Amino acid sequence: MKILQVLPALNSGGVERGTVEFSAELVRRGHQSIVLSSGGPMVAALKQHGAEHVTLPVHRKSLASVGQIRPVRALLRSLQPDIVHVRSRMPAWIVHFALRGLSDEERPALVSTFHGLYSVNRYSAIMARARHVIAISECVRDYVLSHYPVPPDRLTVIQRGVDVSAFRQRTPDSQWTDALLTQYPQLRGKQIILMPGRISRWKGQHQFLHAMAEIRKHNPACHGLIVGGAEGRKVRFLQELEKTRAELGLEDAVTFLGQRSDIGNLYLFADVVCHMSTRPEPFGRTMTEALASGTPVVAFDRGGAAEILHACFPEGLVPPDDSSAFARKVLDLLTQSDFHIELPERFHLQAQVESTITVYRRVLAAGRGSPTQAQ
């Protein structure tokens, strides 16, 4: 098959990384993989495994995106993909209007993935108008069925899979460790508590700082690592976090590492990984990656994060928004040396790829074209 995935950009984030990993698997299995986005640093990884990238500004949430309808329509005519898989709302709208100008014979089958619990409005509804809809967790599936007229037989839950073999090594590379400790000597000899995720108010970095303040009262040998980039307006929130760190007296106990490309080694370097989103999250890719590395995870018991831990490591769950209970759970896990972590098959990358290809074949068997034309 020839598959065109469409998303805003290939900068950083779970959706972007998942798109690249999925593309690599498509190529490995003999399919033709093309990704359309506005570009970004992950384009190099995409091309490295043999996929094609097309750069168009499909990311702008403005009327300027109307100007991309004709270029995308021309691209569809030129590429003639079997499947167009949209992974975000603005690109989905552009594709929707681009498809309107194609004949039935030219029109590819349209698949969408709900990567989030999007606000319920007309703008978000475009994601429910594909021939088949994928939800990345059961909680997303329930959300979609509750708010949009999607027949259950047109919706499939496919968890975002992790390449277990890439995270299974139990110790980080010694050269990598030496380099990290040379750059950050304050980490030497400490128990490391890792908080991965882009800098965002709802991702929970503020709550993490307060939990760290409590953890340090009981275990001064702990050090917190906040890993994630601050883009655009999030730079101001990062400054807020740095101020809060100082107010809590944690300047020598919590380090901001910024955006990193070595997250696999950081999972292995950490003693505990934290997930503290302040609202239900649709999934939690960092959690499955950490668990695949054998590192325990602590998370609030809600949303997709709860689904993951209930299946893989239930002892890591704590009541939502209870930073004190979170701190106690981390302290408890730091005293243990052996953990029973199980990653069911549905959380593996291979299972995700196989399930998605099955969806593609199913929609192609039902006939090409998009139901959006008639809606």
Protein backbone atom coordinates (compact mmCIF):
# COMPACT_ATOMS: atom_id res chain seq x y z
CA MET A 1 0.00 0.00 0.00
CA LYS A 2 0.94 3.64 -0.41
CA ILE A 3 0.17 5.50 2.83
CA LEU A 4 0.22 9.26 3.34
CA GLN A 5 0.25 10.40 6.99
CA VAL A 6 -0.59 14.05 7.62
CA LEU A 7 0.23 16.05 10.77
CA PRO A 8 1.16 19.67 11.56
CA ALA A 9 4.92 19.31 12.02
CA LEU A 10 7.73 16.93 12.90
CA ASN A 11 9.26 18.81 15.81
CA SER A 12 8.99 17.02 19.16
CA GLY A 13 6.27 15.09 20.94
CA GLY A 14 4.69 11.68 21.18
CA VAL A 15 2.50 11.97 18.08
CA GLU A 16 5.49 13.01 16.00
CA ARG A 17 7.76 10.26 17.30
CA GLY A 18 4.99 7.72 16.86
CA THR A 19 4.47 8.84 13.27
CA VAL A 20 8.15 8.34 12.45
CA GLU A 21 8.33 4.93 14.16
CA PHE A 22 5.16 3.77 12.43
CA SER A 23 6.53 4.96 9.09
CA ALA A 24 9.72 2.95 9.63
CA GLU A 25 7.66 -0.18 10.24
CA LEU A 26 5.58 0.42 7.12
CA VAL A 27 8.74 0.67 5.02
CA ARG A 28 10.21 -2.41 6.68
CA ARG A 29 7.09 -4.36 5.69
CA GLY A 30 7.31 -3.27 2.05
CA HIS A 31 4.74 -0.46 2.01
CA GLN A 32 5.39 3.01 0.63
CA SER A 33 5.36 5.62 3.39
CA ILE A 34 4.94 9.36 2.81
CA VAL A 35 4.47 12.02 5.49
CA LEU A 36 3.08 15.50 4.86
CA SER A 37 3.88 18.20 7.44
CA SER A 38 5.39 21.65 7.78
CA GLY A 39 8.73 20.02 8.56
CA GLY A 40 10.96 19.85 11.62
CA PRO A 41 14.02 18.06 13.01
CA MET A 42 12.42 14.60 12.80
CA VAL A 43 12.30 14.76 9.00
CA ALA A 44 15.89 13.48 8.90
CA ALA A 45 14.95 10.32 10.83
CA LEU A 46 11.99 9.82 8.51
CA LYS A 47 14.12 9.96 5.38
CA GLN A 48 16.80 7.79 6.96
CA HIS A 49 14.52 4.76 7.01
CA GLY A 50 13.38 5.26 3.42
CA ALA A 51 10.18 7.26 3.73
CA GLU A 52 9.37 10.39 1.75
CA HIS A 53 8.51 13.75 3.30
CA VAL A 54 6.51 16.54 1.66
CA THR A 55 6.76 19.98 3.24
CA LEU A 56 3.70 22.25 3.15
CA PRO A 57 2.48 24.68 5.87
CA VAL A 58 -0.48 22.58 7.01
CA HIS A 59 0.02 23.55 10.65
CA ARG A 60 -1.42 27.06 10.81
CA LYS A 61 -4.65 27.39 12.77
CA SER A 62 -5.75 30.38 10.68
CA LEU A 63 -7.52 31.31 7.46
CA ALA A 64 -4.11 31.20 5.78
CA SER A 65 -4.47 27.42 5.69
CA VAL A 66 -7.21 27.78 3.07
CA GLY A 67 -4.37 28.46 0.67
CA GLN A 68 -3.09 24.91 1.18
CA ILE A 69 -6.22 23.18 -0.13
CA ARG A 70 -5.21 23.33 -3.80
CA PRO A 71 -1.57 22.30 -3.21
CA VAL A 72 -2.73 19.32 -1.13
CA ARG A 73 -5.29 18.39 -3.78
CA ALA A 74 -2.55 18.49 -6.42
CA LEU A 75 -0.33 16.40 -4.16
CA LEU A 76 -3.06 13.76 -3.78
CA ARG A 77 -3.52 13.61 -7.53
CA SER A 78 0.22 13.25 -8.03
CA LEU A 79 0.89 10.67 -5.30
CA GLN A 80 -2.35 8.67 -5.67
CA PRO A 81 -2.08 7.19 -2.15
CA ASP A 82 -4.28 4.30 -1.13
CA ILE A 83 -4.70 5.68 2.39
CA VAL A 84 -4.57 9.19 3.82
CA HIS A 85 -4.17 9.06 7.60
CA VAL A 86 -4.82 12.40 9.32
CA ARG A 87 -3.46 12.87 12.85
CA SER A 88 -4.50 16.43 13.72
CA ARG A 89 -7.44 18.74 13.23
CA MET A 90 -6.16 21.55 10.98
CA PRO A 91 -4.48 19.14 8.54
CA ALA A 92 -7.68 17.09 8.61
CA TRP A 93 -9.72 20.13 7.50
CA ILE A 94 -7.27 20.87 4.70
CA VAL A 95 -7.44 17.26 3.50
CA HIS A 96 -11.23 17.30 3.82
CA PHE A 97 -11.60 20.22 1.39
CA ALA A 98 -8.85 18.89 -0.87
CA LEU A 99 -10.72 15.61 -1.25
CA ARG A 100 -13.86 17.43 -2.37
CA GLY A 101 -12.19 18.31 -5.65
CA LEU A 102 -11.29 14.71 -6.50
CA SER A 103 -13.39 12.20 -8.38
CA ASP A 104 -14.43 8.95 -6.71
CA GLU A 105 -11.72 7.12 -8.65
CA GLU A 106 -9.03 9.55 -7.49
CA ARG A 107 -10.12 9.78 -3.86
CA PRO A 108 -8.08 7.72 -1.36
CA ALA A 109 -9.55 6.09 1.72
CA LEU A 110 -9.45 8.40 4.74
CA VAL A 111 -8.48 7.28 8.26
CA SER A 112 -8.13 9.53 11.31
CA THR A 113 -6.63 9.07 14.75
CA PHE A 114 -7.96 10.82 17.85
CA HIS A 115 -4.69 11.47 19.69
CA GLY A 116 -6.43 13.59 22.31
CA LEU A 117 -9.61 14.41 24.19
CA TYR A 118 -10.29 17.36 21.91
CA SER A 119 -12.72 20.12 22.89
CA VAL A 120 -16.16 19.26 21.60
CA ASN A 121 -16.95 21.66 18.76
CA ARG A 122 -17.26 21.84 14.99
CA TYR A 123 -13.52 22.28 14.57
CA SER A 124 -12.78 19.00 16.35
CA ALA A 125 -15.65 17.15 14.69
CA ILE A 126 -13.64 16.80 11.48
CA MET A 127 -11.66 13.98 13.11
CA ALA A 128 -14.85 11.92 13.40
CA ARG A 129 -15.70 12.19 9.70
CA ALA A 130 -13.12 9.79 8.29
CA ARG A 131 -14.11 6.43 6.88
CA HIS A 132 -12.55 4.82 9.94
CA VAL A 133 -11.53 6.37 13.26
CA ILE A 134 -8.75 5.14 15.54
CA ALA A 135 -8.74 5.98 19.26
CA ILE A 136 -5.47 5.64 21.16
CA SER A 137 -7.11 4.39 24.38
CA GLU A 138 -10.39 3.16 25.78
CA CYS A 139 -11.01 6.51 27.47
CA VAL A 140 -10.60 8.27 24.10
CA ARG A 141 -12.95 5.73 22.50
CA ASP A 142 -15.62 6.43 25.15
CA TYR A 143 -15.11 10.17 24.69
CA VAL A 144 -15.55 9.98 20.92
CA LEU A 145 -18.66 7.79 21.12
CA SER A 146 -20.16 10.12 23.73
CA HIS A 147 -19.72 13.30 21.70
CA TYR A 148 -19.72 12.40 18.00
CA PRO A 149 -22.03 10.28 15.79
CA VAL A 150 -19.43 7.63 15.04
CA PRO A 151 -20.85 4.11 14.68
CA PRO A 152 -18.93 1.72 16.96
CA ASP A 153 -18.02 -0.46 13.99
CA ARG A 154 -16.19 2.50 12.44
CA LEU A 155 -14.02 3.04 15.51
CA THR A 156 -11.07 0.92 16.66
CA VAL A 157 -8.94 1.26 19.78
CA ILE A 158 -5.24 0.93 18.95
CA GLN A 159 -2.88 1.82 21.77
CA ARG A 160 0.29 3.66 20.80
CA GLY A 161 2.93 0.98 20.80
CA VAL A 162 6.48 1.08 22.09
CA ASP A 163 9.45 -0.59 20.44
CA VAL A 164 10.30 -2.75 23.44
CA SER A 165 13.64 -3.87 21.99
CA ALA A 166 14.81 -0.24 21.91
CA PHE A 167 14.22 0.22 25.65
CA ARG A 168 14.90 -3.23 27.12
CA GLN A 169 18.59 -2.69 27.95
CA ARG A 170 18.85 -2.46 31.73
CA THR A 171 21.77 -0.05 32.15
CA PRO A 172 22.63 3.10 30.18
CA ASP A 173 25.80 3.28 28.14
CA SER A 174 28.77 4.02 30.44
CA GLN A 175 30.14 6.73 28.13
CA TRP A 176 26.75 8.39 28.10
CA THR A 177 26.58 8.24 31.92
CA ASP A 178 30.06 9.71 32.29
CA ALA A 179 29.18 12.55 29.92
CA LEU A 180 25.94 13.30 31.77
CA LEU A 181 27.62 13.35 35.19
CA THR A 182 30.42 15.54 33.86
CA GLN A 183 27.89 18.06 32.64
CA TYR A 184 25.62 17.72 35.71
CA PRO A 185 27.85 16.70 38.66
CA GLN A 186 24.95 17.36 41.07
CA LEU A 187 23.43 14.05 39.89
CA ARG A 188 26.33 11.91 41.07
CA GLY A 189 25.37 9.40 43.76
CA LYS A 190 21.71 10.49 43.80
CA GLN A 191 18.47 8.59 43.40
CA ILE A 192 16.97 10.04 40.24
CA ILE A 193 13.30 10.94 39.90
CA LEU A 194 12.48 11.70 36.26
CA MET A 195 9.65 13.91 35.02
CA PRO A 196 9.51 13.69 31.18
CA GLY A 197 7.18 15.72 28.98
CA ARG A 198 7.09 19.04 27.19
CA ILE A 199 6.89 22.09 29.43
CA SER A 200 3.20 22.86 29.77
CA ARG A 201 1.00 23.95 32.65
CA TRP A 202 -1.22 20.88 32.43
CA LYS A 203 1.65 18.39 32.18
CA GLY A 204 2.22 18.71 35.94
CA GLN A 205 5.74 20.12 36.36
CA HIS A 206 4.46 22.51 39.04
CA GLN A 207 2.96 19.60 41.00
CA PHE A 208 6.22 17.70 40.53
CA LEU A 209 8.19 20.47 42.23
CA HIS A 210 5.90 20.38 45.25
CA ALA A 211 6.15 16.59 45.41
CA MET A 212 9.95 16.88 45.22
CA ALA A 213 9.96 19.30 48.15
CA GLU A 214 8.18 16.68 50.24
CA ILE A 215 10.35 13.83 48.97
CA ARG A 216 13.51 15.71 49.87
CA LYS A 217 12.34 16.17 53.47
CA HIS A 218 12.42 12.39 53.89
CA ASN A 219 15.20 11.48 51.45
CA PRO A 220 17.77 14.22 50.75
CA ALA A 221 19.64 11.83 48.41
CA CYS A 222 16.93 12.29 45.75
CA HIS A 223 17.33 14.52 42.73
CA GLY A 224 14.59 15.47 40.29
CA LEU A 225 15.08 15.78 36.54
CA ILE A 226 12.54 17.69 34.43
CA VAL A 227 13.03 16.78 30.76
CA GLY A 228 11.16 18.60 28.03
CA GLY A 229 11.30 21.62 25.80
CA ALA A 230 9.50 24.94 26.23
CA GLU A 231 8.20 26.25 22.92
CA GLY A 232 6.70 29.67 22.19
CA ARG A 233 4.55 30.96 25.03
CA LYS A 234 5.61 28.06 27.25
CA VAL A 235 8.94 29.81 27.88
CA ARG A 236 7.14 32.08 30.35
CA PHE A 237 5.79 29.06 32.22
CA LEU A 238 9.31 27.62 32.39
CA GLN A 239 10.40 30.84 34.07
CA GLU A 240 7.54 30.39 36.55
CA LEU A 241 8.76 26.88 37.30
CA GLU A 242 12.30 28.10 37.88
CA LYS A 243 10.97 30.72 40.30
CA THR A 244 8.91 28.07 42.15
CA ARG A 245 11.99 25.83 42.33
CA ALA A 246 13.88 28.65 44.06
CA GLU A 247 11.00 29.40 46.43
CA LEU A 248 10.88 25.74 47.49
CA GLY A 249 14.63 25.64 48.03
CA LEU A 250 15.12 23.04 45.32
CA GLU A 251 17.76 24.74 43.16
CA ASP A 252 20.30 22.07 44.10
CA ALA A 253 17.69 19.27 44.02
CA VAL A 254 15.86 19.68 40.69
CA THR A 255 17.53 20.15 37.30
CA PHE A 256 15.86 21.24 34.06
CA LEU A 257 17.46 19.35 31.18
CA GLY A 258 15.41 20.88 28.35
CA GLN A 259 14.59 18.94 25.18
CA ARG A 260 16.67 15.76 24.88
CA SER A 261 17.20 13.14 22.20
CA ASP A 262 18.53 10.53 24.67
CA ILE A 263 15.34 9.80 26.58
CA GLY A 264 15.97 6.04 26.39
CA ASN A 265 19.14 6.37 28.46
CA LEU A 266 17.40 8.74 30.86
CA TYR A 267 14.69 6.14 31.55
CA LEU A 268 17.42 3.65 32.43
CA PHE A 269 19.32 6.20 34.52
CA ALA A 270 16.22 7.06 36.57
CA ASP A 271 15.03 5.19 39.64
CA VAL A 272 11.40 6.33 39.25
CA VAL A 273 9.53 8.04 36.39
CA CYS A 274 6.64 10.41 37.15
CA HIS A 275 3.47 11.29 35.25
CA MET A 276 1.47 14.11 36.88
CA SER A 277 -0.88 15.60 34.26
CA THR A 278 -3.47 17.84 35.86
CA ARG A 279 -6.29 16.55 33.65
CA PRO A 280 -7.10 13.16 32.12
CA GLU A 281 -4.58 12.43 29.41
CA PRO A 282 -5.56 10.32 26.38
CA PHE A 283 -2.58 8.01 26.73
CA GLY A 284 0.94 8.50 28.12
CA ARG A 285 3.73 7.40 25.82
CA THR A 286 6.49 8.22 28.28
CA MET A 287 4.93 5.75 30.70
CA THR A 288 5.02 2.76 28.36
CA GLU A 289 8.57 3.63 27.31
CA ALA A 290 9.73 3.84 30.92
CA LEU A 291 7.97 0.59 31.81
CA ALA A 292 9.52 -1.11 28.78
CA SER A 293 12.87 -0.03 30.23
CA GLY A 294 12.00 -1.74 33.51
CA THR A 295 11.74 1.52 35.44
CA PRO A 296 8.72 1.93 37.77
CA VAL A 297 6.21 4.70 37.04
CA VAL A 298 4.00 6.68 39.42
CA ALA A 299 0.90 8.38 37.99
CA PHE A 300 -2.47 9.77 38.97
CA ASP A 301 -5.31 7.26 38.66
CA ARG A 302 -7.28 8.77 35.77
CA GLY A 303 -7.51 8.82 31.99
CA GLY A 304 -5.26 6.89 29.66
CA ALA A 305 -2.43 6.96 32.20
CA ALA A 306 -4.54 4.90 34.56
CA GLU A 307 -5.34 2.42 31.77
CA ILE A 308 -1.63 1.85 31.23
CA LEU A 309 -0.71 1.37 34.88
CA HIS A 310 -3.73 -0.80 35.67
CA ALA A 311 -2.50 -3.13 32.91
CA CYS A 312 1.26 -2.88 33.47
CA PHE A 313 2.15 -1.67 36.98
CA PRO A 314 -0.93 -1.02 39.18
CA GLU A 315 1.10 -0.38 42.34
CA GLY A 316 2.26 2.89 40.77
CA LEU A 317 -1.21 4.48 40.88
CA VAL A 318 -2.09 7.25 43.35
CA PRO A 319 -5.28 9.35 43.87
CA PRO A 320 -5.58 12.22 41.37
CA ASP A 321 -4.02 15.57 42.35
CA ASP A 322 -2.72 14.27 45.69
CA SER A 323 0.93 15.42 45.64
CA SER A 324 1.55 14.12 49.17
CA ALA A 325 0.34 10.62 48.24
CA PHE A 326 2.47 10.89 45.11
CA ALA A 327 5.55 11.71 47.18
CA ARG A 328 4.88 8.83 49.56
CA LYS A 329 4.52 6.39 46.66
CA VAL A 330 7.82 7.53 45.13
CA LEU A 331 9.58 7.18 48.47
CA ASP A 332 8.15 3.70 48.89
CA LEU A 333 9.29 2.57 45.45
CA LEU A 334 12.79 3.93 46.09
CA THR A 335 13.16 1.40 48.92
CA GLN A 336 12.38 -1.52 46.60
CA SER A 337 14.83 -3.24 44.30
CA ASP A 338 12.56 -5.63 42.38
CA PHE A 339 9.40 -4.70 40.48
CA HIS A 340 6.84 -6.77 38.62
CA ILE A 341 6.26 -4.82 35.42
CA GLU A 342 4.29 -6.40 32.60
CA LEU A 343 3.75 -4.78 29.20
CA PRO A 344 0.86 -6.58 27.45
CA GLU A 345 1.18 -7.17 23.72
CA ARG A 346 -1.30 -4.42 22.82
CA PHE A 347 1.22 -1.81 24.04
CA HIS A 348 3.97 -3.07 21.69
CA LEU A 349 4.81 -1.26 18.45
CA GLN A 350 4.36 -4.44 16.41
CA ALA A 351 0.79 -4.83 17.67
CA GLN A 352 0.02 -1.19 16.86
CA VAL A 353 1.39 -1.55 13.33
CA GLU A 354 -0.45 -4.79 12.62
CA SER A 355 -3.75 -3.42 13.96
CA THR A 356 -3.42 -0.22 11.93
CA ILE A 357 -2.61 -2.09 8.72
CA THR A 358 -5.67 -4.25 9.37
CA VAL A 359 -7.77 -1.07 9.54
CA TYR A 360 -6.25 0.15 6.27
CA ARG A 361 -7.06 -3.13 4.52
CA ARG A 362 -10.56 -3.07 5.94
CA VAL A 363 -11.37 0.40 4.58
CA LEU A 364 -9.82 -0.43 1.21
CA ALA A 365 -11.91 -3.59 1.00
CA ALA A 366 -15.01 -1.50 1.68
CA GLY A 367 -14.16 0.81 -1.22
CA ARG A 368 -12.01 3.90 -1.62
CA GLY A 369 -13.34 7.37 -1.01
CA SER A 370 -14.37 9.42 1.98
CA PRO A 371 -17.73 9.69 3.71
CA THR A 372 -16.94 13.37 4.38
CA GLN A 373 -18.01 14.17 0.82
CA ALA A 374 -21.62 13.49 1.68
CA GLN A 375 -21.69 15.02 5.17
